[in-house]
Amino acid sequence: MIICTAAFGVEPAVEAGLLLMVITNLRICNSVFAGVDRRLSRALGVLALSPWGVQFDSALSVATASRAIATSIQLLLGLLAMVVALRRAPAARV
């Protein structure tokens, strides 16, 4: 997330990236947000970047990109786990 905030020119990139990561992961982990619309996640991301004076359009872009990065990492880890599990599973005999 720090690289994402730095890529969009958000300063300070480290603090903003860490706060954005916390907001993103809270939405992922918290069961209260399980059925909540993705717009709330983006709104929380925009709100998290507001203390640093980030414009709305830029904050929305950063929040959307950071969520896409988090989802991509989860998908890749899930695919990797499936491949490992399939290689370890004994072959089915017919």
Protein backbone atom coordinates (compact mmCIF):
# COMPACT_ATOMS: atom_id res chain seq x y z
CA MET A 1 0.00 0.00 0.00
CA ILE A 2 2.93 2.30 0.64
CA ILE A 3 4.07 1.82 -2.96
CA CYS A 4 0.52 2.53 -4.10
CA THR A 5 0.29 5.80 -2.18
CA ALA A 6 3.77 6.80 -3.35
CA ALA A 7 2.83 6.05 -6.95
CA PHE A 8 -0.11 8.42 -6.69
CA GLY A 9 2.06 11.10 -5.08
CA VAL A 10 0.43 11.02 -1.65
CA GLU A 11 2.70 12.52 0.99
CA PRO A 12 3.61 11.19 3.52
CA ALA A 13 3.43 7.91 1.63
CA VAL A 14 4.38 5.63 4.54
CA GLU A 15 1.82 6.87 7.07
CA ALA A 16 -0.96 7.16 4.48
CA GLY A 17 -0.16 3.73 3.06
CA LEU A 18 -0.17 2.08 6.46
CA LEU A 19 -3.48 3.66 7.44
CA LEU A 20 -4.99 2.68 4.11
CA MET A 21 -3.75 -0.89 4.62
CA VAL A 22 -5.39 -1.00 8.05
CA ILE A 23 -8.69 0.25 6.61
CA THR A 24 -8.56 -2.27 3.74
CA ASN A 25 -7.72 -5.20 5.99
CA LEU A 26 -10.37 -4.25 8.56
CA ARG A 27 -12.98 -4.49 5.85
CA ILE A 28 -11.62 -7.87 4.75
CA CYS A 29 -11.38 -9.33 8.28
CA ASN A 30 -14.37 -7.82 10.00
CA SER A 31 -17.55 -9.86 9.66
CA VAL A 32 -19.65 -6.74 10.24
CA PHE A 33 -18.56 -5.47 6.82
CA ALA A 34 -19.10 -8.83 5.10
CA GLY A 35 -22.31 -7.80 3.38
CA VAL A 36 -21.51 -4.13 3.04
CA ASP A 37 -21.17 -2.59 -0.38
CA ARG A 38 -17.73 -1.91 -1.84
CA ARG A 39 -18.55 1.77 -1.91
CA LEU A 40 -18.23 1.92 1.87
CA SER A 41 -14.72 0.48 1.61
CA ARG A 42 -13.76 3.17 -0.89
CA ALA A 43 -15.40 5.85 1.25
CA LEU A 44 -13.38 4.71 4.27
CA GLY A 45 -10.24 4.81 2.12
CA VAL A 46 -11.02 8.36 1.01
CA LEU A 47 -11.71 9.32 4.63
CA ALA A 48 -8.41 7.74 5.73
CA LEU A 49 -6.48 9.88 3.24
CA SER A 50 -8.26 13.13 4.11
CA PRO A 51 -5.91 14.17 6.97
CA TRP A 52 -3.13 14.61 4.41
CA GLY A 53 -5.18 16.90 2.17
CA VAL A 54 -5.50 14.42 -0.68
CA GLN A 55 -8.06 15.56 -3.26
CA PHE A 56 -11.21 13.44 -3.56
CA ASP A 57 -10.42 12.12 -7.06
CA SER A 58 -6.89 11.11 -6.11
CA ALA A 59 -8.04 9.55 -2.83
CA LEU A 60 -10.72 7.55 -4.62
CA SER A 61 -8.14 6.33 -7.14
CA VAL A 62 -5.73 5.31 -4.40
CA ALA A 63 -8.47 3.53 -2.42
CA THR A 64 -9.66 1.65 -5.50
CA ALA A 65 -6.14 0.68 -6.55
CA SER A 66 -5.20 -0.47 -3.05
CA ARG A 67 -8.30 -2.65 -2.84
CA ALA A 68 -7.50 -4.13 -6.26
CA ILE A 69 -3.95 -4.90 -5.10
CA ALA A 70 -5.22 -6.58 -1.92
CA THR A 71 -7.74 -8.66 -3.88
CA SER A 72 -5.12 -9.68 -6.45
CA ILE A 73 -2.75 -10.84 -3.72
CA GLN A 74 -5.52 -12.88 -2.11
CA LEU A 75 -6.41 -14.49 -5.44
CA LEU A 76 -2.79 -15.36 -6.19
CA LEU A 77 -2.29 -16.88 -2.74
CA GLY A 78 -5.50 -18.88 -3.15
CA LEU A 79 -4.40 -20.20 -6.54
CA LEU A 80 -1.00 -21.10 -5.12
CA ALA A 81 -2.66 -22.96 -2.24
CA MET A 82 -4.83 -24.89 -4.71
CA VAL A 83 -1.81 -25.92 -6.78
CA VAL A 84 0.07 -27.08 -3.69
CA ALA A 85 -2.96 -28.99 -2.41
CA LEU A 86 -3.53 -30.68 -5.76
CA ARG A 87 0.09 -31.78 -6.00
CA ARG A 88 -0.01 -33.26 -2.52
CA ALA A 89 -3.33 -35.05 -2.98
CA PRO A 90 -3.08 -38.70 -4.01
CA ALA A 91 -4.31 -39.50 -7.48
CA ALA A 92 -7.89 -40.74 -7.59
CA ARG A 93 -8.23 -44.32 -8.75
CA VAL A 94 -11.11 -45.25 -10.96
